[in-house]
Amino acid sequence: MNPDELRERTKTFAKRIVRLCRELPRTQVAKLIGNQVFRSGTSIGANYRAACRGRSRPDFISKPGIVLEETDETLYWLEILAETEVVSAEMLAPLARECRELPAIFVASLNTAKR
């Protein structure tokens, strides 16, 4: 996957996170968890874009680590939403699947950059 495609994929993921947060129940728990998933889920693409603009090879190599952390955190919050039954697991399954796929792509990209 080339950088432009990955940039678009992470942006699409962020938009899906925004839509999810709009649909969360209007409870205090959903609001608190929603804030967390919103922040981490939308920062994946923003941090990936920053990595693409890295000023040096070491700069590019360090930023995907942040992207991986944010992806893992997003998956954690999606799991919490499902496991506490704030939202059905079925509704979250496509987002969770994407959260599991993105790290493999970032790691492959990072390994290519290290070579």
PDB file of N, CA and C in Angstrom:
ATOM      1  N   MET A   1       0.855  -1.174   0.000  1.00  0.00           N
ATOM      2  CA  MET A   1       0.000   0.000   0.000  1.00  0.00           C
ATOM      3  C   MET A   1       0.900   1.236   0.000  1.00  0.00           C
ATOM      4  N   ASN A   2       0.643   2.135  -0.931  1.00  0.00           N
ATOM      5  CA  ASN A   2       1.500   3.324  -0.995  1.00  0.00           C
ATOM      6  C   ASN A   2       1.051   4.367   0.035  1.00  0.00           C
ATOM      7  N   PRO A   3       1.904   5.356   0.313  1.00  0.00           N
ATOM      8  CA  PRO A   3       1.573   6.348   1.357  1.00  0.00           C
ATOM      9  C   PRO A   3       0.261   7.090   1.124  1.00  0.00           C
ATOM     10  N   ASP A   4      -0.041   7.412  -0.135  1.00  0.00           N
ATOM     11  CA  ASP A   4      -1.302   8.127  -0.404  1.00  0.00           C
ATOM     12  C   ASP A   4      -2.508   7.265  -0.073  1.00  0.00           C
ATOM     13  N   GLU A   5      -2.443   5.990  -0.416  1.00  0.00           N
ATOM     14  CA  GLU A   5      -3.545   5.080  -0.110  1.00  0.00           C
ATOM     15  C   GLU A   5      -3.707   4.910   1.397  1.00  0.00           C
ATOM     16  N   LEU A   6      -2.590   4.811   2.100  1.00  0.00           N
ATOM     17  CA  LEU A   6      -2.661   4.653   3.550  1.00  0.00           C
ATOM     18  C   LEU A   6      -3.144   5.934   4.216  1.00  0.00           C
ATOM     19  N   ARG A   7      -2.745   7.064   3.666  1.00  0.00           N
ATOM     20  CA  ARG A   7      -3.244   8.348   4.189  1.00  0.00           C
ATOM     21  C   ARG A   7      -4.770   8.407   4.053  1.00  0.00           C
ATOM     22  N   GLU A   8      -5.276   7.980   2.907  1.00  0.00           N
ATOM     23  CA  GLU A   8      -6.730   7.985   2.683  1.00  0.00           C
ATOM     24  C   GLU A   8      -7.429   6.964   3.576  1.00  0.00           C
ATOM     25  N   ARG A   9      -6.805   5.805   3.736  1.00  0.00           N
ATOM     26  CA  ARG A   9      -7.413   4.760   4.578  1.00  0.00           C
ATOM     27  C   ARG A   9      -7.507   5.220   6.026  1.00  0.00           C
ATOM     28  N   THR A  10      -6.478   5.881   6.532  1.00  0.00           N
ATOM     29  CA  THR A  10      -6.524   6.348   7.926  1.00  0.00           C
ATOM     30  C   THR A  10      -7.507   7.510   8.084  1.00  0.00           C
ATOM     31  N   LYS A  11      -7.647   8.313   7.046  1.00  0.00           N
ATOM     32  CA  LYS A  11      -8.632   9.400   7.095  1.00  0.00           C
ATOM     33  C   LYS A  11     -10.048   8.829   7.102  1.00  0.00           C
ATOM     34  N   THR A  12     -10.281   7.831   6.270  1.00  0.00           N
ATOM     35  CA  THR A  12     -11.586   7.168   6.251  1.00  0.00           C
ATOM     36  C   THR A  12     -11.886   6.548   7.599  1.00  0.00           C
ATOM     37  N   PHE A  13     -10.879   5.933   8.221  1.00  0.00           N
ATOM     38  CA  PHE A  13     -11.056   5.357   9.548  1.00  0.00           C
ATOM     39  C   PHE A  13     -11.460   6.444  10.545  1.00  0.00           C
ATOM     40  N   ALA A  14     -10.797   7.584  10.488  1.00  0.00           N
ATOM     41  CA  ALA A  14     -11.128   8.692  11.398  1.00  0.00           C
ATOM     42  C   ALA A  14     -12.575   9.138  11.208  1.00  0.00           C
ATOM     43  N   LYS A  15     -13.014   9.213   9.963  1.00  0.00           N
ATOM     44  CA  LYS A  15     -14.406   9.615   9.702  1.00  0.00           C
ATOM     45  C   LYS A  15     -15.382   8.584  10.257  1.00  0.00           C
ATOM     46  N   ARG A  16     -15.024   7.317  10.171  1.00  0.00           N
ATOM     47  CA  ARG A  16     -15.884   6.272  10.733  1.00  0.00           C
ATOM     48  C   ARG A  16     -15.947   6.390  12.258  1.00  0.00           C
ATOM     49  N   ILE A  17     -14.836   6.752  12.872  1.00  0.00           N
ATOM     50  CA  ILE A  17     -14.811   6.960  14.335  1.00  0.00           C
ATOM     51  C   ILE A  17     -15.716   8.136  14.697  1.00  0.00           C
ATOM     52  N   VAL A  18     -15.651   9.213  13.930  1.00  0.00           N
ATOM     53  CA  VAL A  18     -16.518  10.376  14.188  1.00  0.00           C
ATOM     54  C   VAL A  18     -17.986   9.962  14.115  1.00  0.00           C
ATOM     55  N   ARG A  19     -18.324   9.185  13.083  1.00  0.00           N
ATOM     56  CA  ARG A  19     -19.723   8.726  12.943  1.00  0.00           C
ATOM     57  C   ARG A  19     -20.139   7.850  14.123  1.00  0.00           C
ATOM     58  N   LEU A  20     -19.234   6.969  14.555  1.00  0.00           N
ATOM     59  CA  LEU A  20     -19.528   6.131  15.721  1.00  0.00           C
ATOM     60  C   LEU A  20     -19.819   7.010  16.935  1.00  0.00           C
ATOM     61  N   CYS A  21     -18.976   7.986  17.175  1.00  0.00           N
ATOM     62  CA  CYS A  21     -19.147   8.838  18.359  1.00  0.00           C
ATOM     63  C   CYS A  21     -20.459   9.606  18.316  1.00  0.00           C
ATOM     64  N   ARG A  22     -20.898   9.984  17.127  1.00  0.00           N
ATOM     65  CA  ARG A  22     -22.205  10.652  16.996  1.00  0.00           C
ATOM     66  C   ARG A  22     -23.354   9.730  17.383  1.00  0.00           C
ATOM     67  N   GLU A  23     -23.162   8.423  17.168  1.00  0.00           N
ATOM     68  CA  GLU A  23     -24.229   7.450  17.401  1.00  0.00           C
ATOM     69  C   GLU A  23     -24.216   6.830  18.793  1.00  0.00           C
ATOM     70  N   LEU A  24     -23.238   7.168  19.602  1.00  0.00           N
ATOM     71  CA  LEU A  24     -23.180   6.592  20.943  1.00  0.00           C
ATOM     72  C   LEU A  24     -24.384   7.037  21.766  1.00  0.00           C
ATOM     73  N   PRO A  25     -24.812   6.186  22.690  1.00  0.00           N
ATOM     74  CA  PRO A  25     -25.922   6.575  23.572  1.00  0.00           C
ATOM     75  C   PRO A  25     -25.584   7.856  24.335  1.00  0.00           C
ATOM     76  N   ARG A  26     -26.583   8.557  24.730  1.00  0.00           N
ATOM     77  CA  ARG A  26     -26.406   9.821  25.454  1.00  0.00           C
ATOM     78  C   ARG A  26     -26.302   9.569  26.957  1.00  0.00           C
ATOM     79  N   THR A  27     -25.308   8.775  27.343  1.00  0.00           N
ATOM     80  CA  THR A  27     -25.063   8.510  28.765  1.00  0.00           C
ATOM     81  C   THR A  27     -23.693   9.052  29.136  1.00  0.00           C
ATOM     82  N   GLN A  28     -23.479   9.223  30.418  1.00  0.00           N
ATOM     83  CA  GLN A  28     -22.191   9.732  30.886  1.00  0.00           C
ATOM     84  C   GLN A  28     -21.054   8.765  30.542  1.00  0.00           C
ATOM     85  N   VAL A  29     -21.296   7.476  30.723  1.00  0.00           N
ATOM     86  CA  VAL A  29     -20.267   6.471  30.415  1.00  0.00           C
ATOM     87  C   VAL A  29     -19.920   6.504  28.929  1.00  0.00           C
ATOM     88  N   ALA A  30     -20.922   6.522  28.080  1.00  0.00           N
ATOM     89  CA  ALA A  30     -20.682   6.557  26.635  1.00  0.00           C
ATOM     90  C   ALA A  30     -19.935   7.829  26.240  1.00  0.00           C
ATOM     91  N   LYS A  31     -20.269   8.929  26.894  1.00  0.00           N
ATOM     92  CA  LYS A  31     -19.585  10.190  26.595  1.00  0.00           C
ATOM     93  C   LYS A  31     -18.112  10.112  26.975  1.00  0.00           C
ATOM     94  N   LEU A  32     -17.825   9.579  28.158  1.00  0.00           N
ATOM     95  CA  LEU A  32     -16.435   9.489  28.614  1.00  0.00           C
ATOM     96  C   LEU A  32     -15.605   8.560  27.727  1.00  0.00           C
ATOM     97  N   ILE A  33     -16.139   7.390  27.434  1.00  0.00           N
ATOM     98  CA  ILE A  33     -15.411   6.450  26.579  1.00  0.00           C
ATOM     99  C   ILE A  33     -15.361   6.991  25.149  1.00  0.00           C
ATOM    100  N   GLY A  34     -16.447   7.600  24.711  1.00  0.00           N
ATOM    101  CA  GLY A  34     -16.485   8.187  23.376  1.00  0.00           C
ATOM    102  C   GLY A  34     -15.401   9.235  23.173  1.00  0.00           C
ATOM    103  N   ASN A  35     -15.160  10.044  24.189  1.00  0.00           N
ATOM    104  CA  ASN A  35     -14.086  11.042  24.096  1.00  0.00           C
ATOM    105  C   ASN A  35     -12.732  10.367  23.881  1.00  0.00           C
ATOM    106  N   GLN A  36     -12.511   9.276  24.585  1.00  0.00           N
ATOM    107  CA  GLN A  36     -11.235   8.565  24.463  1.00  0.00           C
ATOM    108  C   GLN A  36     -11.073   7.955  23.071  1.00  0.00           C
ATOM    109  N   VAL A  37     -12.111   7.255  22.602  1.00  0.00           N
ATOM    110  CA  VAL A  37     -12.023   6.609  21.294  1.00  0.00           C
ATOM    111  C   VAL A  37     -11.941   7.668  20.190  1.00  0.00           C
ATOM    112  N   PHE A  38     -12.599   8.789  20.372  1.00  0.00           N
ATOM    113  CA  PHE A  38     -12.527   9.874  19.397  1.00  0.00           C
ATOM    114  C   PHE A  38     -11.105  10.399  19.277  1.00  0.00           C
ATOM    115  N   ARG A  39     -10.488  10.665  20.404  1.00  0.00           N
ATOM    116  CA  ARG A  39      -9.130  11.225  20.408  1.00  0.00           C
ATOM    117  C   ARG A  39      -8.114  10.266  19.800  1.00  0.00           C
ATOM    118  N   SER A  40      -8.133   9.018  20.254  1.00  0.00           N
ATOM    119  CA  SER A  40      -7.141   8.072  19.749  1.00  0.00           C
ATOM    120  C   SER A  40      -7.436   7.671  18.307  1.00  0.00           C
ATOM    121  N   GLY A  41      -8.707   7.470  17.982  1.00  0.00           N
ATOM    122  CA  GLY A  41      -9.072   7.015  16.648  1.00  0.00           C
ATOM    123  C   GLY A  41      -8.820   8.041  15.552  1.00  0.00           C
ATOM    124  N   THR A  42      -9.008   9.310  15.873  1.00  0.00           N
ATOM    125  CA  THR A  42      -8.763  10.337  14.870  1.00  0.00           C
ATOM    126  C   THR A  42      -7.292  10.732  14.804  1.00  0.00           C
ATOM    127  N   SER A  43      -6.545  10.429  15.841  1.00  0.00           N
ATOM    128  CA  SER A  43      -5.123  10.801  15.823  1.00  0.00           C
ATOM    129  C   SER A  43      -4.270   9.833  15.002  1.00  0.00           C
ATOM    130  N   ILE A  44      -4.799   8.659  14.688  1.00  0.00           N
ATOM    131  CA  ILE A  44      -4.041   7.697  13.888  1.00  0.00           C
ATOM    132  C   ILE A  44      -3.653   8.324  12.554  1.00  0.00           C
ATOM    133  N   GLY A  45      -4.631   8.833  11.836  1.00  0.00           N
ATOM    134  CA  GLY A  45      -4.360   9.445  10.540  1.00  0.00           C
ATOM    135  C   GLY A  45      -3.520  10.703  10.651  1.00  0.00           C
ATOM    136  N   ALA A  46      -3.791  11.513  11.660  1.00  0.00           N
ATOM    137  CA  ALA A  46      -3.024  12.751  11.830  1.00  0.00           C
ATOM    138  C   ALA A  46      -1.553  12.444  12.089  1.00  0.00           C
ATOM    139  N   ASN A  47      -1.293  11.456  12.928  1.00  0.00           N
ATOM    140  CA  ASN A  47       0.097  11.093  13.212  1.00  0.00           C
ATOM    141  C   ASN A  47       0.764  10.409  12.018  1.00  0.00           C
ATOM    142  N   TYR A  48      -0.006   9.638  11.255  1.00  0.00           N
ATOM    143  CA  TYR A  48       0.571   9.035  10.058  1.00  0.00           C
ATOM    144  C   TYR A  48       0.961  10.125   9.062  1.00  0.00           C
ATOM    145  N   ARG A  49       0.109  11.125   8.900  1.00  0.00           N
ATOM    146  CA  ARG A  49       0.440  12.233   7.991  1.00  0.00           C
ATOM    147  C   ARG A  49       1.694  12.955   8.462  1.00  0.00           C
ATOM    148  N   ALA A  50       1.819  13.130   9.763  1.00  0.00           N
ATOM    149  CA  ALA A  50       3.027  13.767  10.299  1.00  0.00           C
ATOM    150  C   ALA A  50       4.257  12.908  10.006  1.00  0.00           C
ATOM    151  N   ALA A  51       4.101  11.605  10.108  1.00  0.00           N
ATOM    152  CA  ALA A  51       5.221  10.699   9.807  1.00  0.00           C
ATOM    153  C   ALA A  51       5.638  10.833   8.349  1.00  0.00           C
ATOM    154  N   CYS A  52       4.668  10.975   7.468  1.00  0.00           N
ATOM    155  CA  CYS A  52       4.971  11.119   6.033  1.00  0.00           C
ATOM    156  C   CYS A  52       5.719  12.411   5.749  1.00  0.00           C
ATOM    157  N   ARG A  53       5.551  13.384   6.611  1.00  0.00           N
ATOM    158  CA  ARG A  53       6.247  14.663   6.439  1.00  0.00           C
ATOM    159  C   ARG A  53       7.521  14.729   7.269  1.00  0.00           C
ATOM    160  N   GLY A  54       7.979  13.594   7.773  1.00  0.00           N
ATOM    161  CA  GLY A  54       9.178  13.569   8.606  1.00  0.00           C
ATOM    162  C   GLY A  54      10.345  14.245   7.921  1.00  0.00           C
ATOM    163  N   ARG A  55      11.101  14.983   8.690  1.00  0.00           N
ATOM    164  CA  ARG A  55      12.220  15.743   8.133  1.00  0.00           C
ATOM    165  C   ARG A  55      13.434  14.867   7.842  1.00  0.00           C
ATOM    166  N   SER A  56      13.485  13.710   8.476  1.00  0.00           N
ATOM    167  CA  SER A  56      14.630  12.831   8.283  1.00  0.00           C
ATOM    168  C   SER A  56      14.171  11.389   8.408  1.00  0.00           C
ATOM    169  N   ARG A  57      15.026  10.474   8.020  1.00  0.00           N
ATOM    170  CA  ARG A  57      14.701   9.050   8.129  1.00  0.00           C
ATOM    171  C   ARG A  57      14.429   8.667   9.598  1.00  0.00           C
ATOM    172  N   PRO A  58      15.289   9.075  10.561  1.00  0.00           N
ATOM    173  CA  PRO A  58      14.989   8.749  11.973  1.00  0.00           C
ATOM    174  C   PRO A  58      13.664   9.354  12.447  1.00  0.00           C
ATOM    175  N   ASP A  59      13.359  10.548  11.955  1.00  0.00           N
ATOM    176  CA  ASP A  59      12.087  11.189  12.307  1.00  0.00           C
ATOM    177  C   ASP A  59      10.928  10.351  11.764  1.00  0.00           C
ATOM    178  N   PHE A  60      11.039   9.906  10.516  1.00  0.00           N
ATOM    179  CA  PHE A  60       9.996   9.074   9.921  1.00  0.00           C
ATOM    180  C   PHE A  60       9.853   7.760  10.675  1.00  0.00           C
ATOM    181  N   ILE A  61      10.970   7.191  11.099  1.00  0.00           N
ATOM    182  CA  ILE A  61      10.944   5.897  11.776  1.00  0.00           C
ATOM    183  C   ILE A  61      10.328   6.003  13.175  1.00  0.00           C
ATOM    184  N   SER A  62      10.504   7.122  13.857  1.00  0.00           N
ATOM    185  CA  SER A  62       9.980   7.248  15.218  1.00  0.00           C
ATOM    186  C   SER A  62       8.474   7.485  15.258  1.00  0.00           C
ATOM    187  N   LYS A  63       7.943   8.212  14.301  1.00  0.00           N
ATOM    188  CA  LYS A  63       6.524   8.581  14.338  1.00  0.00           C
ATOM    189  C   LYS A  63       5.563   7.402  14.189  1.00  0.00           C
ATOM    190  N   PRO A  64       5.871   6.398  13.361  1.00  0.00           N
ATOM    191  CA  PRO A  64       4.932   5.266  13.301  1.00  0.00           C
ATOM    192  C   PRO A  64       4.732   4.554  14.636  1.00  0.00           C
ATOM    193  N   GLY A  65       5.692   4.670  15.544  1.00  0.00           N
ATOM    194  CA  GLY A  65       5.497   4.106  16.883  1.00  0.00           C
ATOM    195  C   GLY A  65       4.313   4.754  17.577  1.00  0.00           C
ATOM    196  N   ILE A  66       4.159   6.053  17.391  1.00  0.00           N
ATOM    197  CA  ILE A  66       3.017   6.772  17.962  1.00  0.00           C
ATOM    198  C   ILE A  66       1.731   6.281  17.304  1.00  0.00           C
ATOM    199  N   VAL A  67       1.774   6.088  15.991  1.00  0.00           N
ATOM    200  CA  VAL A  67       0.603   5.602  15.256  1.00  0.00           C
ATOM    201  C   VAL A  67       0.186   4.233  15.789  1.00  0.00           C
ATOM    202  N   LEU A  68       1.160   3.364  16.023  1.00  0.00           N
ATOM    203  CA  LEU A  68       0.855   2.025  16.556  1.00  0.00           C
ATOM    204  C   LEU A  68       0.233   2.109  17.948  1.00  0.00           C
ATOM    205  N   GLU A  69       0.743   2.992  18.786  1.00  0.00           N
ATOM    206  CA  GLU A  69       0.182   3.167  20.128  1.00  0.00           C
ATOM    207  C   GLU A  69      -1.266   3.653  20.053  1.00  0.00           C
ATOM    208  N   GLU A  70      -1.526   4.618  19.195  1.00  0.00           N
ATOM    209  CA  GLU A  70      -2.879   5.160  19.064  1.00  0.00           C
ATOM    210  C   GLU A  70      -3.845   4.110  18.509  1.00  0.00           C
ATOM    211  N   THR A  71      -3.357   3.291  17.588  1.00  0.00           N
ATOM    212  CA  THR A  71      -4.201   2.230  17.033  1.00  0.00           C
ATOM    213  C   THR A  71      -4.557   1.221  18.111  1.00  0.00           C
ATOM    214  N   ASP A  72      -3.575   0.839  18.905  1.00  0.00           N
ATOM    215  CA  ASP A  72      -3.827  -0.111  19.988  1.00  0.00           C
ATOM    216  C   ASP A  72      -4.777   0.485  21.028  1.00  0.00           C
ATOM    217  N   GLU A  73      -4.587   1.751  21.339  1.00  0.00           N
ATOM    218  CA  GLU A  73      -5.484   2.398  22.303  1.00  0.00           C
ATOM    219  C   GLU A  73      -6.910   2.456  21.774  1.00  0.00           C
ATOM    220  N   THR A  74      -7.066   2.750  20.499  1.00  0.00           N
ATOM    221  CA  THR A  74      -8.399   2.793  19.897  1.00  0.00           C
ATOM    222  C   THR A  74      -9.070   1.430  19.995  1.00  0.00           C
ATOM    223  N   LEU A  75      -8.322   0.389  19.676  1.00  0.00           N
ATOM    224  CA  LEU A  75      -8.872  -0.965  19.772  1.00  0.00           C
ATOM    225  C   LEU A  75      -9.299  -1.259  21.210  1.00  0.00           C
ATOM    226  N   TYR A  76      -8.504  -0.851  22.169  1.00  0.00           N
ATOM    227  CA  TYR A  76      -8.847  -1.038  23.582  1.00  0.00           C
ATOM    228  C   TYR A  76     -10.199  -0.393  23.900  1.00  0.00           C
ATOM    229  N   TRP A  77     -10.391   0.861  23.487  1.00  0.00           N
ATOM    230  CA  TRP A  77     -11.644   1.554  23.801  1.00  0.00           C
ATOM    231  C   TRP A  77     -12.825   0.938  23.061  1.00  0.00           C
ATOM    232  N   LEU A  78     -12.607   0.468  21.843  1.00  0.00           N
ATOM    233  CA  LEU A  78     -13.686  -0.226  21.133  1.00  0.00           C
ATOM    234  C   LEU A  78     -14.071  -1.506  21.869  1.00  0.00           C
ATOM    235  N   GLU A  79     -13.078  -2.227  22.368  1.00  0.00           N
ATOM    236  CA  GLU A  79     -13.360  -3.439  23.150  1.00  0.00           C
ATOM    237  C   GLU A  79     -14.135  -3.104  24.417  1.00  0.00           C
ATOM    238  N   ILE A  80     -13.770  -2.026  25.091  1.00  0.00           N
ATOM    239  CA  ILE A  80     -14.479  -1.605  26.304  1.00  0.00           C
ATOM    240  C   ILE A  80     -15.934  -1.267  25.969  1.00  0.00           C
ATOM    241  N   LEU A  81     -16.143  -0.534  24.882  1.00  0.00           N
ATOM    242  CA  LEU A  81     -17.521  -0.207  24.472  1.00  0.00           C
ATOM    243  C   LEU A  81     -18.345  -1.472  24.257  1.00  0.00           C
ATOM    244  N   ALA A  82     -17.748  -2.464  23.618  1.00  0.00           N
ATOM    245  CA  ALA A  82     -18.473  -3.707  23.335  1.00  0.00           C
ATOM    246  C   ALA A  82     -18.658  -4.545  24.591  1.00  0.00           C
ATOM    247  N   GLU A  83     -17.585  -4.717  25.358  1.00  0.00           N
ATOM    248  CA  GLU A  83     -17.640  -5.609  26.515  1.00  0.00           C
ATOM    249  C   GLU A  83     -18.495  -5.071  27.651  1.00  0.00           C
ATOM    250  N   THR A  84     -18.706  -3.774  27.685  1.00  0.00           N
ATOM    251  CA  THR A  84     -19.604  -3.195  28.701  1.00  0.00           C
ATOM    252  C   THR A  84     -21.001  -2.968  28.138  1.00  0.00           C
ATOM    253  N   GLU A  85     -21.195  -3.410  26.906  1.00  0.00           N
ATOM    254  CA  GLU A  85     -22.482  -3.350  26.229  1.00  0.00           C
ATOM    255  C   GLU A  85     -23.026  -1.936  26.055  1.00  0.00           C
ATOM    256  N   VAL A  86     -22.111  -0.981  25.952  1.00  0.00           N
ATOM    257  CA  VAL A  86     -22.535   0.378  25.618  1.00  0.00           C
ATOM    258  C   VAL A  86     -22.992   0.389  24.163  1.00  0.00           C
ATOM    259  N   VAL A  87     -22.278  -0.377  23.330  1.00  0.00           N
ATOM    260  CA  VAL A  87     -22.605  -0.545  21.917  1.00  0.00           C
ATOM    261  C   VAL A  87     -22.449  -2.029  21.605  1.00  0.00           C
ATOM    262  N   SER A  88     -23.234  -2.539  20.677  1.00  0.00           N
ATOM    263  CA  SER A  88     -23.135  -3.952  20.346  1.00  0.00           C
ATOM    264  C   SER A  88     -21.795  -4.278  19.681  1.00  0.00           C
ATOM    265  N   ALA A  89     -21.302  -5.442  19.992  1.00  0.00           N
ATOM    266  CA  ALA A  89     -20.041  -5.896  19.391  1.00  0.00           C
ATOM    267  C   ALA A  89     -20.166  -5.971  17.870  1.00  0.00           C
ATOM    268  N   GLU A  90     -21.335  -6.335  17.385  1.00  0.00           N
ATOM    269  CA  GLU A  90     -21.552  -6.431  15.938  1.00  0.00           C
ATOM    270  C   GLU A  90     -21.387  -5.071  15.263  1.00  0.00           C
ATOM    271  N   MET A  91     -21.855  -4.036  15.907  1.00  0.00           N
ATOM    272  CA  MET A  91     -21.726  -2.692  15.346  1.00  0.00           C
ATOM    273  C   MET A  91     -20.262  -2.257  15.284  1.00  0.00           C
ATOM    274  N   LEU A  92     -19.495  -2.667  16.266  1.00  0.00           N
ATOM    275  CA  LEU A  92     -18.089  -2.258  16.348  1.00  0.00           C
ATOM    276  C   LEU A  92     -17.144  -3.168  15.572  1.00  0.00           C
ATOM    277  N   ALA A  93     -17.615  -4.320  15.141  1.00  0.00           N
ATOM    278  CA  ALA A  93     -16.740  -5.316  14.508  1.00  0.00           C
ATOM    279  C   ALA A  93     -15.951  -4.771  13.315  1.00  0.00           C
ATOM    280  N   PRO A  94     -16.566  -4.035  12.395  1.00  0.00           N
ATOM    281  CA  PRO A  94     -15.772  -3.528  11.269  1.00  0.00           C
ATOM    282  C   PRO A  94     -14.657  -2.563  11.686  1.00  0.00           C
ATOM    283  N   LEU A  95     -14.941  -1.702  12.653  1.00  0.00           N
ATOM    284  CA  LEU A  95     -13.908  -0.785  13.147  1.00  0.00           C
ATOM    285  C   LEU A  95     -12.806  -1.543  13.875  1.00  0.00           C
ATOM    286  N   ALA A  96     -13.182  -2.507  14.672  1.00  0.00           N
ATOM    287  CA  ALA A  96     -12.184  -3.305  15.396  1.00  0.00           C
ATOM    288  C   ALA A  96     -11.307  -4.079  14.412  1.00  0.00           C
ATOM    289  N   ARG A  97     -11.916  -4.598  13.353  1.00  0.00           N
ATOM    290  CA  ARG A  97     -11.144  -5.332  12.341  1.00  0.00           C
ATOM    291  C   ARG A  97     -10.117  -4.407  11.685  1.00  0.00           C
ATOM    292  N   GLU A  98     -10.532  -3.208  11.354  1.00  0.00           N
ATOM    293  CA  GLU A  98      -9.613  -2.235  10.760  1.00  0.00           C
ATOM    294  C   GLU A  98      -8.496  -1.891  11.743  1.00  0.00           C
ATOM    295  N   CYS A  99      -8.826  -1.794  13.015  1.00  0.00           N
ATOM    296  CA  CYS A  99      -7.819  -1.505  14.046  1.00  0.00           C
ATOM    297  C   CYS A  99      -6.796  -2.630  14.165  1.00  0.00           C
ATOM    298  N   ARG A 100      -7.188  -3.818  13.814  1.00  0.00           N
ATOM    299  CA  ARG A 100      -6.255  -4.944  13.851  1.00  0.00           C
ATOM    300  C   ARG A 100      -5.426  -5.022  12.573  1.00  0.00           C
ATOM    301  N   GLU A 101      -5.974  -4.534  11.465  1.00  0.00           N
ATOM    302  CA  GLU A 101      -5.263  -4.580  10.188  1.00  0.00           C
ATOM    303  C   GLU A 101      -4.249  -3.451  10.041  1.00  0.00           C
ATOM    304  N   LEU A 102      -4.582  -2.267  10.511  1.00  0.00           N
ATOM    305  CA  LEU A 102      -3.699  -1.118  10.333  1.00  0.00           C
ATOM    306  C   LEU A 102      -2.294  -1.326  10.901  1.00  0.00           C
ATOM    307  N   PRO A 103      -2.135  -1.884  12.094  1.00  0.00           N
ATOM    308  CA  PRO A 103      -0.769  -2.055  12.610  1.00  0.00           C
ATOM    309  C   PRO A 103       0.126  -2.894  11.696  1.00  0.00           C
ATOM    310  N   ALA A 104      -0.414  -3.920  11.087  1.00  0.00           N
ATOM    311  CA  ALA A 104       0.399  -4.752  10.189  1.00  0.00           C
ATOM    312  C   ALA A 104       0.908  -3.914   9.019  1.00  0.00           C
ATOM    313  N   ILE A 105       0.071  -3.030   8.522  1.00  0.00           N
ATOM    314  CA  ILE A 105       0.476  -2.168   7.412  1.00  0.00           C
ATOM    315  C   ILE A 105       1.549  -1.184   7.872  1.00  0.00           C
ATOM    316  N   PHE A 106       1.349  -0.590   9.053  1.00  0.00           N
ATOM    317  CA  PHE A 106       2.329   0.370   9.563  1.00  0.00           C
ATOM    318  C   PHE A 106       3.668  -0.303   9.841  1.00  0.00           C
ATOM    319  N   VAL A 107       3.635  -1.494  10.391  1.00  0.00           N
ATOM    320  CA  VAL A 107       4.874  -2.221  10.690  1.00  0.00           C
ATOM    321  C   VAL A 107       5.618  -2.536   9.390  1.00  0.00           C
ATOM    322  N   ALA A 108       4.897  -2.967   8.367  1.00  0.00           N
ATOM    323  CA  ALA A 108       5.533  -3.253   7.075  1.00  0.00           C
ATOM    324  C   ALA A 108       6.162  -1.983   6.504  1.00  0.00           C
ATOM    325  N   SER A 109       5.454  -0.875   6.615  1.00  0.00           N
ATOM    326  CA  SER A 109       5.971   0.403   6.133  1.00  0.00           C
ATOM    327  C   SER A 109       7.218   0.809   6.915  1.00  0.00           C
ATOM    328  N   LEU A 110       7.158   0.623   8.218  1.00  0.00           N
ATOM    329  CA  LEU A 110       8.294   0.959   9.073  1.00  0.00           C
ATOM    330  C   LEU A 110       9.500   0.096   8.756  1.00  0.00           C
ATOM    331  N   ASN A 111       9.285  -1.203   8.540  1.00  0.00           N
ATOM    332  CA  ASN A 111      10.382  -2.101   8.198  1.00  0.00           C
ATOM    333  C   ASN A 111      11.012  -1.726   6.868  1.00  0.00           C
ATOM    334  N   THR A 112      10.198  -1.304   5.923  1.00  0.00           N
ATOM    335  CA  THR A 112      10.717  -0.856   4.626  1.00  0.00           C
ATOM    336  C   THR A 112      11.572   0.389   4.812  1.00  0.00           C
ATOM    337  N   ALA A 113      11.103   1.322   5.637  1.00  0.00           N
ATOM    338  CA  ALA A 113      11.859   2.554   5.873  1.00  0.00           C
ATOM    339  C   ALA A 113      13.175   2.274   6.584  1.00  0.00           C
ATOM    340  N   LYS A 114      13.193   1.287   7.473  1.00  0.00           N
ATOM    341  CA  LYS A 114      14.422   0.961   8.200  1.00  0.00           C
ATOM    342  C   LYS A 114      15.485   0.352   7.288  1.00  0.00           C
ATOM    343  N   ARG A 115      15.004  -0.351   6.234  1.00  0.00           N
ATOM    344  CA  ARG A 115      15.960  -0.946   5.285  1.00  0.00           C
ATOM    345  C   ARG A 115      16.524   0.137   4.446  1.00  0.00           C
TER     346      ARG A 115
END
